[in-house]
């Protein structure tokens, strides 16, 4: 089979594309004929070595996939040959990744794809969707009628948080964007107010738009300003952080504890499969209803995996803001 892989961590141009042996599904595994995969920042961090993790050699990159069941291993009960499935959490913690024509995946990490949802859409929503649901529901305990602020609403996670917050009944969703074009996209996704952060002070704008404070403040930026978040919170407000591995931020302790605030962090791939399955089941309902849709920047052939990794790094690490959605790859 064709696959995108590395022998050791390094820059994007060391990402190879060539022939590897097609895996045979072991007990509890499903062999998926891959229809589409998505590129995520964590994929580039693992490939480069920025996030150290034990990797098989050769190591196939990629967390997300959507496709069709080709074969099943002993003991598989949920799926049979011909079923369409999607999933994430591959390429992590010793597991092989998904950037290949075929992937052998433990059935606990796979979910049925709704009939009306394309593989490209399911793959695009996999990691970002589970992440958004974990933060809003499992960690943030969002309640209908609350106000949500998303710092960075046009990115993969931020755009999904906006849509999910709307599905969960948020009364008001405020977000930030870097341009009028991206602000319009955020409004189309369900944001009620969009702050152009290059033109306006974000905290001042949030306080004007939510004078009683924000109930759930979601940070997607690499350098979160937690002092602003605490200032903008309502009583019993929650702050979600899921980015900025090297960031350092001051927290004003007095306002933090007198507001009875909470600061909540999480890592999607450390959450157990049964918790993530709850996310996937609700995502499937929303995807089938058309209320949860991905933002896809472009679709490339799997052979251009190295190019896709460079584009992702330029957007995430270089902060050039050129990507307007997910990068999707498809085998030939």
C-alpha atoms as a PDB file:
ATOM      1  CA  UNK A   1       0.000   0.000   0.000  1.00  0.00           C
ATOM      2  CA  UNK A   2       1.031   3.619  -0.427  1.00  0.00           C
ATOM      3  CA  UNK A   3       1.685   5.561   2.779  1.00  0.00           C
ATOM      4  CA  UNK A   4       3.255   8.784   4.100  1.00  0.00           C
ATOM      5  CA  UNK A   5       5.836   7.928   6.758  1.00  0.00           C
ATOM      6  CA  UNK A   6       9.118   8.762   8.482  1.00  0.00           C
ATOM      7  CA  UNK A   7      11.982   6.713   9.897  1.00  0.00           C
ATOM      8  CA  UNK A   8      12.923   9.357  12.474  1.00  0.00           C
ATOM      9  CA  UNK A   9      11.552  12.747  13.568  1.00  0.00           C
ATOM     10  CA  UNK A  10      12.578  15.655  11.381  1.00  0.00           C
ATOM     11  CA  UNK A  11      11.406  18.444   9.059  1.00  0.00           C
ATOM     12  CA  UNK A  12       8.517  18.090   6.644  1.00  0.00           C
ATOM     13  CA  UNK A  13      10.770  17.328   3.678  1.00  0.00           C
ATOM     14  CA  UNK A  14      11.810  14.095   5.407  1.00  0.00           C
ATOM     15  CA  UNK A  15       8.233  12.841   5.196  1.00  0.00           C
ATOM     16  CA  UNK A  16       8.372  10.018   2.657  1.00  0.00           C
ATOM     17  CA  UNK A  17       5.651   8.681   0.366  1.00  0.00           C
ATOM     18  CA  UNK A  18       6.005   5.127  -0.855  1.00  0.00           C
ATOM     19  CA  UNK A  19       5.110   1.477  -0.470  1.00  0.00           C
ATOM     20  CA  UNK A  20       4.673  -0.236   2.898  1.00  0.00           C
ATOM     21  CA  UNK A  21       3.137  -3.595   3.718  1.00  0.00           C
ATOM     22  CA  UNK A  22      -0.651  -3.546   4.071  1.00  0.00           C
ATOM     23  CA  UNK A  23      -1.478  -4.354   7.717  1.00  0.00           C
ATOM     24  CA  UNK A  24      -3.423  -7.459   8.703  1.00  0.00           C
ATOM     25  CA  UNK A  25      -6.095  -6.756  11.332  1.00  0.00           C
ATOM     26  CA  UNK A  26      -5.285  -8.404  14.640  1.00  0.00           C
ATOM     27  CA  UNK A  27      -7.772  -9.360  17.350  1.00  0.00           C
ATOM     28  CA  UNK A  28     -10.071  -6.413  18.053  1.00  0.00           C
ATOM     29  CA  UNK A  29      -8.835  -4.482  15.005  1.00  0.00           C
ATOM     30  CA  UNK A  30     -10.662  -3.225  11.926  1.00  0.00           C
ATOM     31  CA  UNK A  31      -8.854  -2.827   8.614  1.00  0.00           C
ATOM     32  CA  UNK A  32     -10.122   0.405   7.044  1.00  0.00           C
ATOM     33  CA  UNK A  33      -9.710   1.272   3.383  1.00  0.00           C
ATOM     34  CA  UNK A  34      -8.989   4.955   3.852  1.00  0.00           C
ATOM     35  CA  UNK A  35     -11.154   7.434   1.986  1.00  0.00           C
ATOM     36  CA  UNK A  36      -9.840  10.643   3.554  1.00  0.00           C
ATOM     37  CA  UNK A  37      -7.542  11.878   6.321  1.00  0.00           C
ATOM     38  CA  UNK A  38      -7.133  15.296   7.944  1.00  0.00           C
ATOM     39  CA  UNK A  39      -3.987  17.188   8.919  1.00  0.00           C
ATOM     40  CA  UNK A  40      -3.741  18.418  12.525  1.00  0.00           C
ATOM     41  CA  UNK A  41      -1.079  20.444  14.351  1.00  0.00           C
ATOM     42  CA  UNK A  42      -0.288  17.442  16.583  1.00  0.00           C
ATOM     43  CA  UNK A  43       0.639  15.463  13.444  1.00  0.00           C
ATOM     44  CA  UNK A  44       3.366  17.985  12.649  1.00  0.00           C
ATOM     45  CA  UNK A  45       4.572  18.128  16.260  1.00  0.00           C
ATOM     46  CA  UNK A  46       5.047  14.347  16.344  1.00  0.00           C
ATOM     47  CA  UNK A  47       6.690  14.247  12.923  1.00  0.00           C
ATOM     48  CA  UNK A  48       9.138  17.020  13.854  1.00  0.00           C
ATOM     49  CA  UNK A  49       9.884  15.716  17.346  1.00  0.00           C
ATOM     50  CA  UNK A  50       8.499  18.852  19.002  1.00  0.00           C
ATOM     51  CA  UNK A  51       6.284  16.542  21.065  1.00  0.00           C
ATOM     52  CA  UNK A  52       8.504  13.576  22.014  1.00  0.00           C
ATOM     53  CA  UNK A  53       6.710  10.245  21.868  1.00  0.00           C
ATOM     54  CA  UNK A  54       7.813   6.668  21.242  1.00  0.00           C
ATOM     55  CA  UNK A  55       7.150   5.961  17.551  1.00  0.00           C
ATOM     56  CA  UNK A  56       7.273   2.733  15.540  1.00  0.00           C
ATOM     57  CA  UNK A  57       9.679   2.648  12.583  1.00  0.00           C
ATOM     58  CA  UNK A  58       8.642   3.245   9.924  1.00  0.00           C
ATOM     59  CA  UNK A  59       6.051   5.536  11.464  1.00  0.00           C
ATOM     60  CA  UNK A  60       2.958   6.430   9.428  1.00  0.00           C
ATOM     61  CA  UNK A  61       1.789   9.947  10.377  1.00  0.00           C
ATOM     62  CA  UNK A  62      -1.783  11.079  11.001  1.00  0.00           C
ATOM     63  CA  UNK A  63      -4.518  10.923  13.659  1.00  0.00           C
ATOM     64  CA  UNK A  64      -7.798  11.123  11.716  1.00  0.00           C
ATOM     65  CA  UNK A  65      -9.427   8.960   9.081  1.00  0.00           C
ATOM     66  CA  UNK A  66     -12.688   8.073   7.394  1.00  0.00           C
ATOM     67  CA  UNK A  67     -13.275   5.162   5.065  1.00  0.00           C
ATOM     68  CA  UNK A  68     -14.792   1.715   4.581  1.00  0.00           C
ATOM     69  CA  UNK A  69     -14.246  -1.507   6.504  1.00  0.00           C
ATOM     70  CA  UNK A  70     -12.142  -3.880   4.388  1.00  0.00           C
ATOM     71  CA  UNK A  71     -11.697  -6.694   6.932  1.00  0.00           C
ATOM     72  CA  UNK A  72     -12.126  -7.351  10.664  1.00  0.00           C
ATOM     73  CA  UNK A  73      -9.999  -9.182  13.195  1.00  0.00           C
ATOM     74  CA  UNK A  74     -11.092 -11.777  15.693  1.00  0.00           C
ATOM     75  CA  UNK A  75     -13.595 -10.559  18.266  1.00  0.00           C
ATOM     76  CA  UNK A  76     -14.728  -7.419  16.417  1.00  0.00           C
ATOM     77  CA  UNK A  77     -18.423  -6.954  17.159  1.00  0.00           C
ATOM     78  CA  UNK A  78     -19.365  -3.415  16.134  1.00  0.00           C
ATOM     79  CA  UNK A  79     -18.447  -3.470  12.433  1.00  0.00           C
ATOM     80  CA  UNK A  80     -18.505  -5.691   9.396  1.00  0.00           C
ATOM     81  CA  UNK A  81     -17.018  -5.516   5.919  1.00  0.00           C
ATOM     82  CA  UNK A  82     -18.555  -2.679   3.900  1.00  0.00           C
ATOM     83  CA  UNK A  83     -19.449  -0.437   6.855  1.00  0.00           C
ATOM     84  CA  UNK A  84     -18.385   3.189   6.599  1.00  0.00           C
ATOM     85  CA  UNK A  85     -16.478   4.442   9.643  1.00  0.00           C
ATOM     86  CA  UNK A  86     -14.539   7.434  10.926  1.00  0.00           C
ATOM     87  CA  UNK A  87     -12.198   7.957  13.855  1.00  0.00           C
ATOM     88  CA  UNK A  88      -9.224   9.681  15.441  1.00  0.00           C
ATOM     89  CA  UNK A  89      -6.547   8.972  18.093  1.00  0.00           C
ATOM     90  CA  UNK A  90      -4.238   7.112  15.704  1.00  0.00           C
ATOM     91  CA  UNK A  91      -0.514   7.793  15.323  1.00  0.00           C
ATOM     92  CA  UNK A  92      -0.324   8.338  19.089  1.00  0.00           C
ATOM     93  CA  UNK A  93       1.005   6.415  22.090  1.00  0.00           C
ATOM     94  CA  UNK A  94       2.665   3.771  19.913  1.00  0.00           C
ATOM     95  CA  UNK A  95      -0.192   3.375  17.426  1.00  0.00           C
ATOM     96  CA  UNK A  96       0.463   3.645  13.703  1.00  0.00           C
ATOM     97  CA  UNK A  97      -1.080   6.612  11.908  1.00  0.00           C
ATOM     98  CA  UNK A  98      -3.631   6.975   9.136  1.00  0.00           C
ATOM     99  CA  UNK A  99      -1.874   8.579   6.150  1.00  0.00           C
ATOM    100  CA  UNK A 100      -2.060   5.400   4.081  1.00  0.00           C
ATOM    101  CA  UNK A 101      -4.340   3.492   1.756  1.00  0.00           C
ATOM    102  CA  UNK A 102      -5.213   1.130   4.628  1.00  0.00           C
ATOM    103  CA  UNK A 103      -5.150   1.453   8.419  1.00  0.00           C
ATOM    104  CA  UNK A 104      -5.633  -1.208  11.107  1.00  0.00           C
ATOM    105  CA  UNK A 105      -7.534   0.432  13.974  1.00  0.00           C
ATOM    106  CA  UNK A 106      -8.833  -0.923  17.279  1.00  0.00           C
ATOM    107  CA  UNK A 107     -12.630  -0.900  16.991  1.00  0.00           C
ATOM    108  CA  UNK A 108     -12.975   1.161  20.173  1.00  0.00           C
ATOM    109  CA  UNK A 109     -11.558   4.161  18.285  1.00  0.00           C
ATOM    110  CA  UNK A 110     -14.002   3.948  15.345  1.00  0.00           C
ATOM    111  CA  UNK A 111     -17.543   5.265  14.870  1.00  0.00           C
ATOM    112  CA  UNK A 112     -20.176   4.701  12.147  1.00  0.00           C
ATOM    113  CA  UNK A 113     -20.307   7.392   9.462  1.00  0.00           C
ATOM    114  CA  UNK A 114     -23.843   8.722   8.826  1.00  0.00           C
ATOM    115  CA  UNK A 115     -24.964   7.797   5.281  1.00  0.00           C
ATOM    116  CA  UNK A 116     -25.311  11.410   4.154  1.00  0.00           C
ATOM    117  CA  UNK A 117     -21.846  12.476   5.413  1.00  0.00           C
ATOM    118  CA  UNK A 118     -18.873  12.343   3.019  1.00  0.00           C
ATOM    119  CA  UNK A 119     -15.573  10.795   4.113  1.00  0.00           C
ATOM    120  CA  UNK A 120     -13.877  14.149   3.629  1.00  0.00           C
ATOM    121  CA  UNK A 121     -16.296  15.835   6.038  1.00  0.00           C
ATOM    122  CA  UNK A 122     -16.103  13.066   8.647  1.00  0.00           C
ATOM    123  CA  UNK A 123     -12.296  13.091   8.578  1.00  0.00           C
ATOM    124  CA  UNK A 124     -12.198  16.899   8.811  1.00  0.00           C
ATOM    125  CA  UNK A 125     -14.364  16.885  11.942  1.00  0.00           C
ATOM    126  CA  UNK A 126     -12.748  13.932  13.729  1.00  0.00           C
ATOM    127  CA  UNK A 127     -10.080  15.339  16.044  1.00  0.00           C
ATOM    128  CA  UNK A 128     -11.398  18.904  16.210  1.00  0.00           C
ATOM    129  CA  UNK A 129     -14.951  17.715  16.841  1.00  0.00           C
ATOM    130  CA  UNK A 130     -14.062  15.345  19.660  1.00  0.00           C
ATOM    131  CA  UNK A 131     -11.830  18.062  21.139  1.00  0.00           C
ATOM    132  CA  UNK A 132     -14.604  20.659  20.995  1.00  0.00           C
ATOM    133  CA  UNK A 133     -17.157  18.315  22.551  1.00  0.00           C
ATOM    134  CA  UNK A 134     -14.794  17.253  25.351  1.00  0.00           C
ATOM    135  CA  UNK A 135     -14.102  20.889  26.217  1.00  0.00           C
ATOM    136  CA  UNK A 136     -17.675  22.141  26.041  1.00  0.00           C
ATOM    137  CA  UNK A 137     -19.452  19.193  27.652  1.00  0.00           C
ATOM    138  CA  UNK A 138     -17.077  16.896  29.546  1.00  0.00           C
ATOM    139  CA  UNK A 139     -14.846  19.637  30.965  1.00  0.00           C
ATOM    140  CA  UNK A 140     -16.755  22.910  30.547  1.00  0.00           C
ATOM    141  CA  UNK A 141     -20.224  21.632  31.479  1.00  0.00           C
ATOM    142  CA  UNK A 142     -21.852  24.163  29.149  1.00  0.00           C
ATOM    143  CA  UNK A 143     -25.521  24.775  29.945  1.00  0.00           C
ATOM    144  CA  UNK A 144     -28.227  26.063  27.622  1.00  0.00           C
ATOM    145  CA  UNK A 145     -28.641  29.827  27.973  1.00  0.00           C
ATOM    146  CA  UNK A 146     -25.002  30.540  28.851  1.00  0.00           C
ATOM    147  CA  UNK A 147     -22.607  32.930  27.101  1.00  0.00           C
ATOM    148  CA  UNK A 148     -19.528  31.531  25.358  1.00  0.00           C
ATOM    149  CA  UNK A 149     -16.417  33.385  24.209  1.00  0.00           C
ATOM    150  CA  UNK A 150     -14.052  31.657  21.745  1.00  0.00           C
ATOM    151  CA  UNK A 151     -10.674  33.332  21.355  1.00  0.00           C
ATOM    152  CA  UNK A 152      -9.887  32.310  17.792  1.00  0.00           C
ATOM    153  CA  UNK A 153     -13.073  31.356  16.014  1.00  0.00           C
ATOM    154  CA  UNK A 154     -11.896  30.721  12.470  1.00  0.00           C
ATOM    155  CA  UNK A 155      -9.471  27.856  13.184  1.00  0.00           C
ATOM    156  CA  UNK A 156     -10.232  24.160  13.135  1.00  0.00           C
ATOM    157  CA  UNK A 157     -11.138  23.822  16.813  1.00  0.00           C
ATOM    158  CA  UNK A 158     -12.581  27.321  17.250  1.00  0.00           C
ATOM    159  CA  UNK A 159     -14.953  27.031  14.297  1.00  0.00           C
ATOM    160  CA  UNK A 160     -16.183  23.689  15.634  1.00  0.00           C
ATOM    161  CA  UNK A 161     -16.654  25.082  19.153  1.00  0.00           C
ATOM    162  CA  UNK A 162     -18.881  27.825  17.726  1.00  0.00           C
ATOM    163  CA  UNK A 163     -21.120  25.321  15.947  1.00  0.00           C
ATOM    164  CA  UNK A 164     -21.336  22.961  18.911  1.00  0.00           C
ATOM    165  CA  UNK A 165     -22.055  25.751  21.381  1.00  0.00           C
ATOM    166  CA  UNK A 166     -24.978  26.720  19.152  1.00  0.00           C
ATOM    167  CA  UNK A 167     -26.184  23.091  19.033  1.00  0.00           C
ATOM    168  CA  UNK A 168     -25.956  22.928  22.847  1.00  0.00           C
ATOM    169  CA  UNK A 169     -28.155  26.001  23.269  1.00  0.00           C
ATOM    170  CA  UNK A 170     -25.708  28.771  24.141  1.00  0.00           C
ATOM    171  CA  UNK A 171     -27.557  32.089  24.398  1.00  0.00           C
ATOM    172  CA  UNK A 172     -24.699  34.169  22.997  1.00  0.00           C
ATOM    173  CA  UNK A 173     -21.469  33.208  21.239  1.00  0.00           C
ATOM    174  CA  UNK A 174     -18.705  35.798  20.925  1.00  0.00           C
ATOM    175  CA  UNK A 175     -15.493  35.152  19.047  1.00  0.00           C
ATOM    176  CA  UNK A 176     -12.454  36.841  17.490  1.00  0.00           C
ATOM    177  CA  UNK A 177     -11.199  36.924  13.917  1.00  0.00           C
ATOM    178  CA  UNK A 178      -8.308  38.533  12.073  1.00  0.00           C
ATOM    179  CA  UNK A 179     -10.189  39.854   9.044  1.00  0.00           C
ATOM    180  CA  UNK A 180     -13.640  40.838   7.840  1.00  0.00           C
ATOM    181  CA  UNK A 181     -13.695  37.737   5.629  1.00  0.00           C
ATOM    182  CA  UNK A 182     -12.995  35.423   8.579  1.00  0.00           C
ATOM    183  CA  UNK A 183     -15.504  37.338  10.708  1.00  0.00           C
ATOM    184  CA  UNK A 184     -18.189  36.630   8.105  1.00  0.00           C
ATOM    185  CA  UNK A 185     -17.302  32.941   8.175  1.00  0.00           C
ATOM    186  CA  UNK A 186     -17.626  32.903  11.976  1.00  0.00           C
ATOM    187  CA  UNK A 187     -21.072  34.489  11.766  1.00  0.00           C
ATOM    188  CA  UNK A 188     -22.118  31.905   9.206  1.00  0.00           C
ATOM    189  CA  UNK A 189     -21.109  29.201  11.699  1.00  0.00           C
ATOM    190  CA  UNK A 190     -23.301  30.691  14.419  1.00  0.00           C
ATOM    191  CA  UNK A 191     -21.302  33.407  16.178  1.00  0.00           C
ATOM    192  CA  UNK A 192     -23.502  36.276  17.382  1.00  0.00           C
ATOM    193  CA  UNK A 193     -20.662  38.803  17.685  1.00  0.00           C
ATOM    194  CA  UNK A 194     -17.181  38.824  16.155  1.00  0.00           C
ATOM    195  CA  UNK A 195     -14.349  41.026  17.436  1.00  0.00           C
ATOM    196  CA  UNK A 196     -11.702  42.026  14.897  1.00  0.00           C
ATOM    197  CA  UNK A 197      -8.722  41.650  17.222  1.00  0.00           C
ATOM    198  CA  UNK A 198      -6.378  43.670  15.000  1.00  0.00           C
ATOM    199  CA  UNK A 199      -8.673  46.687  15.240  1.00  0.00           C
ATOM    200  CA  UNK A 200     -10.243  46.472  18.717  1.00  0.00           C
ATOM    201  CA  UNK A 201      -9.177  45.617  22.248  1.00  0.00           C
ATOM    202  CA  UNK A 202     -10.548  42.134  22.838  1.00  0.00           C
ATOM    203  CA  UNK A 203     -11.235  42.373  26.573  1.00  0.00           C
ATOM    204  CA  UNK A 204     -12.939  45.772  26.298  1.00  0.00           C
ATOM    205  CA  UNK A 205     -15.113  44.468  23.475  1.00  0.00           C
ATOM    206  CA  UNK A 206     -16.036  41.316  25.401  1.00  0.00           C
ATOM    207  CA  UNK A 207     -17.066  43.368  28.433  1.00  0.00           C
ATOM    208  CA  UNK A 208     -19.248  45.592  26.232  1.00  0.00           C
ATOM    209  CA  UNK A 209     -20.885  42.611  24.524  1.00  0.00           C
ATOM    210  CA  UNK A 210     -21.290  40.564  27.729  1.00  0.00           C
ATOM    211  CA  UNK A 211     -21.622  43.073  30.601  1.00  0.00           C
ATOM    212  CA  UNK A 212     -22.621  40.291  33.020  1.00  0.00           C
ATOM    213  CA  UNK A 213     -19.556  38.264  32.082  1.00  0.00           C
ATOM    214  CA  UNK A 214     -18.804  35.165  30.052  1.00  0.00           C
ATOM    215  CA  UNK A 215     -19.789  31.770  31.423  1.00  0.00           C
ATOM    216  CA  UNK A 216     -17.327  29.742  29.339  1.00  0.00           C
ATOM    217  CA  UNK A 217     -14.143  31.285  27.910  1.00  0.00           C
ATOM    218  CA  UNK A 218     -12.356  29.057  25.391  1.00  0.00           C
ATOM    219  CA  UNK A 219      -8.718  29.792  24.497  1.00  0.00           C
ATOM    220  CA  UNK A 220      -7.351  28.403  21.220  1.00  0.00           C
ATOM    221  CA  UNK A 221      -4.400  30.802  20.893  1.00  0.00           C
ATOM    222  CA  UNK A 222      -0.799  29.749  21.557  1.00  0.00           C
ATOM    223  CA  UNK A 223      -0.189  32.586  24.064  1.00  0.00           C
ATOM    224  CA  UNK A 224      -3.384  32.871  26.148  1.00  0.00           C
ATOM    225  CA  UNK A 225      -3.813  35.969  28.312  1.00  0.00           C
ATOM    226  CA  UNK A 226      -5.483  34.417  31.323  1.00  0.00           C
ATOM    227  CA  UNK A 227      -5.681  37.706  33.206  1.00  0.00           C
ATOM    228  CA  UNK A 228      -8.052  38.984  30.525  1.00  0.00           C
ATOM    229  CA  UNK A 229     -10.040  35.767  30.680  1.00  0.00           C
ATOM    230  CA  UNK A 230     -10.503  36.035  34.446  1.00  0.00           C
ATOM    231  CA  UNK A 231     -11.546  39.688  34.120  1.00  0.00           C
ATOM    232  CA  UNK A 232     -14.120  38.807  31.454  1.00  0.00           C
ATOM    233  CA  UNK A 233     -15.657  35.884  33.346  1.00  0.00           C
ATOM    234  CA  UNK A 234     -19.005  35.795  35.080  1.00  0.00           C
ATOM    235  CA  UNK A 235     -19.315  34.288  38.539  1.00  0.00           C
ATOM    236  CA  UNK A 236     -18.740  30.510  38.377  1.00  0.00           C
ATOM    237  CA  UNK A 237     -17.174  30.985  34.939  1.00  0.00           C
ATOM    238  CA  UNK A 238     -14.905  28.399  33.344  1.00  0.00           C
ATOM    239  CA  UNK A 239     -11.780  28.901  31.249  1.00  0.00           C
ATOM    240  CA  UNK A 240     -10.791  26.148  28.792  1.00  0.00           C
ATOM    241  CA  UNK A 241      -7.177  25.865  27.632  1.00  0.00           C
ATOM    242  CA  UNK A 242      -6.022  23.304  25.060  1.00  0.00           C
ATOM    243  CA  UNK A 243      -3.090  25.017  23.337  1.00  0.00           C
ATOM    244  CA  UNK A 244       0.159  26.804  24.160  1.00  0.00           C
ATOM    245  CA  UNK A 245       2.508  24.070  25.415  1.00  0.00           C
ATOM    246  CA  UNK A 246       5.323  26.539  26.108  1.00  0.00           C
ATOM    247  CA  UNK A 247       3.125  29.461  27.152  1.00  0.00           C
ATOM    248  CA  UNK A 248       3.327  31.185  30.530  1.00  0.00           C
ATOM    249  CA  UNK A 249       0.492  33.378  31.737  1.00  0.00           C
ATOM    250  CA  UNK A 250      -0.278  35.248  34.948  1.00  0.00           C
ATOM    251  CA  UNK A 251      -3.571  34.612  36.749  1.00  0.00           C
ATOM    252  CA  UNK A 252      -4.964  37.315  39.076  1.00  0.00           C
ATOM    253  CA  UNK A 253      -5.721  35.156  42.093  1.00  0.00           C
ATOM    254  CA  UNK A 254      -8.120  37.509  43.896  1.00  0.00           C
ATOM    255  CA  UNK A 255     -10.647  37.917  41.062  1.00  0.00           C
ATOM    256  CA  UNK A 256     -10.184  34.261  40.152  1.00  0.00           C
ATOM    257  CA  UNK A 257     -11.261  32.781  43.461  1.00  0.00           C
ATOM    258  CA  UNK A 258     -13.821  35.426  44.394  1.00  0.00           C
ATOM    259  CA  UNK A 259     -15.607  34.700  41.098  1.00  0.00           C
ATOM    260  CA  UNK A 260     -15.418  30.993  41.982  1.00  0.00           C
ATOM    261  CA  UNK A 261     -13.815  30.496  38.582  1.00  0.00           C
ATOM    262  CA  UNK A 262     -12.346  27.304  37.150  1.00  0.00           C
ATOM    263  CA  UNK A 263      -9.327  26.860  34.849  1.00  0.00           C
ATOM    264  CA  UNK A 264      -9.683  23.608  32.911  1.00  0.00           C
ATOM    265  CA  UNK A 265      -7.117  21.991  30.660  1.00  0.00           C
ATOM    266  CA  UNK A 266      -7.301  18.701  28.783  1.00  0.00           C
ATOM    267  CA  UNK A 267      -5.605  16.607  26.111  1.00  0.00           C
ATOM    268  CA  UNK A 268      -7.975  14.843  23.747  1.00  0.00           C
ATOM    269  CA  UNK A 269      -5.865  11.736  23.161  1.00  0.00           C
ATOM    270  CA  UNK A 270      -5.497  11.075  26.902  1.00  0.00           C
ATOM    271  CA  UNK A 271      -9.268  10.744  27.321  1.00  0.00           C
ATOM    272  CA  UNK A 272     -10.499   7.101  27.441  1.00  0.00           C
ATOM    273  CA  UNK A 273     -12.404   5.573  24.513  1.00  0.00           C
ATOM    274  CA  UNK A 274     -15.752   5.375  26.317  1.00  0.00           C
ATOM    275  CA  UNK A 275     -15.668   9.124  27.034  1.00  0.00           C
ATOM    276  CA  UNK A 276     -14.772   9.927  23.426  1.00  0.00           C
ATOM    277  CA  UNK A 277     -17.506   7.650  22.095  1.00  0.00           C
ATOM    278  CA  UNK A 278     -20.100   9.832  23.835  1.00  0.00           C
ATOM    279  CA  UNK A 279     -18.693  12.788  21.884  1.00  0.00           C
ATOM    280  CA  UNK A 280     -18.772  10.886  18.594  1.00  0.00           C
ATOM    281  CA  UNK A 281     -22.368   9.744  19.031  1.00  0.00           C
ATOM    282  CA  UNK A 282     -23.600  13.297  19.523  1.00  0.00           C
ATOM    283  CA  UNK A 283     -21.403  14.515  16.674  1.00  0.00           C
ATOM    284  CA  UNK A 284     -23.004  11.918  14.402  1.00  0.00           C
ATOM    285  CA  UNK A 285     -26.484  13.220  15.234  1.00  0.00           C
ATOM    286  CA  UNK A 286     -25.434  16.787  14.460  1.00  0.00           C
ATOM    287  CA  UNK A 287     -23.576  15.835  11.272  1.00  0.00           C
ATOM    288  CA  UNK A 288     -26.572  13.834  10.029  1.00  0.00           C
ATOM    289  CA  UNK A 289     -28.855  16.805  10.742  1.00  0.00           C
ATOM    290  CA  UNK A 290     -26.539  19.220   8.926  1.00  0.00           C
ATOM    291  CA  UNK A 291     -25.960  21.387  12.005  1.00  0.00           C
ATOM    292  CA  UNK A 292     -22.276  20.423  12.314  1.00  0.00           C
ATOM    293  CA  UNK A 293     -20.163  20.942   9.210  1.00  0.00           C
ATOM    294  CA  UNK A 294     -16.414  21.164   8.678  1.00  0.00           C
ATOM    295  CA  UNK A 295     -14.495  24.057   7.222  1.00  0.00           C
ATOM    296  CA  UNK A 296     -12.179  22.599   4.598  1.00  0.00           C
ATOM    297  CA  UNK A 297      -9.455  24.773   3.108  1.00  0.00           C
ATOM    298  CA  UNK A 298      -8.435  22.328   0.383  1.00  0.00           C
ATOM    299  CA  UNK A 299      -8.243  18.656  -0.561  1.00  0.00           C
ATOM    300  CA  UNK A 300      -4.899  17.267  -1.731  1.00  0.00           C
ATOM    301  CA  UNK A 301      -3.726  13.828  -2.845  1.00  0.00           C
ATOM    302  CA  UNK A 302      -2.060  11.729  -0.140  1.00  0.00           C
ATOM    303  CA  UNK A 303       1.165  11.908  -2.147  1.00  0.00           C
ATOM    304  CA  UNK A 304       1.386  15.601  -1.167  1.00  0.00           C
ATOM    305  CA  UNK A 305       1.519  14.877   2.577  1.00  0.00           C
ATOM    306  CA  UNK A 306       4.827  16.730   2.978  1.00  0.00           C
ATOM    307  CA  UNK A 307       3.346  19.831   1.331  1.00  0.00           C
ATOM    308  CA  UNK A 308       0.318  19.624   3.609  1.00  0.00           C
ATOM    309  CA  UNK A 309       2.560  19.413   6.687  1.00  0.00           C
ATOM    310  CA  UNK A 310       4.476  22.503   5.569  1.00  0.00           C
ATOM    311  CA  UNK A 311       1.241  24.422   5.039  1.00  0.00           C
ATOM    312  CA  UNK A 312      -0.011  23.389   8.493  1.00  0.00           C
ATOM    313  CA  UNK A 313       3.231  24.434  10.176  1.00  0.00           C
ATOM    314  CA  UNK A 314       3.257  27.787   8.421  1.00  0.00           C
ATOM    315  CA  UNK A 315      -0.270  28.421   9.672  1.00  0.00           C
ATOM    316  CA  UNK A 316       0.121  27.067  13.222  1.00  0.00           C
ATOM    317  CA  UNK A 317       3.716  27.837  14.145  1.00  0.00           C
ATOM    318  CA  UNK A 318       4.345  30.606  11.634  1.00  0.00           C
ATOM    319  CA  UNK A 319       0.957  32.181  12.415  1.00  0.00           C
ATOM    320  CA  UNK A 320       0.554  33.365   8.821  1.00  0.00           C
ATOM    321  CA  UNK A 321      -3.213  32.821   8.953  1.00  0.00           C
ATOM    322  CA  UNK A 322      -3.470  31.608   5.365  1.00  0.00           C
ATOM    323  CA  UNK A 323      -5.479  28.444   6.040  1.00  0.00           C
ATOM    324  CA  UNK A 324      -9.238  28.927   6.116  1.00  0.00           C
ATOM    325  CA  UNK A 325     -10.071  25.413   7.288  1.00  0.00           C
ATOM    326  CA  UNK A 326      -8.795  21.868   7.448  1.00  0.00           C
ATOM    327  CA  UNK A 327      -6.325  20.316   5.058  1.00  0.00           C
ATOM    328  CA  UNK A 328      -7.696  17.000   3.766  1.00  0.00           C
ATOM    329  CA  UNK A 329      -5.750  14.292   1.935  1.00  0.00           C
ATOM    330  CA  UNK A 330      -7.131  11.427  -0.129  1.00  0.00           C
ATOM    331  CA  UNK A 331      -5.388   8.306  -1.435  1.00  0.00           C
ATOM    332  CA  UNK A 332      -5.334   8.033  -5.218  1.00  0.00           C
END
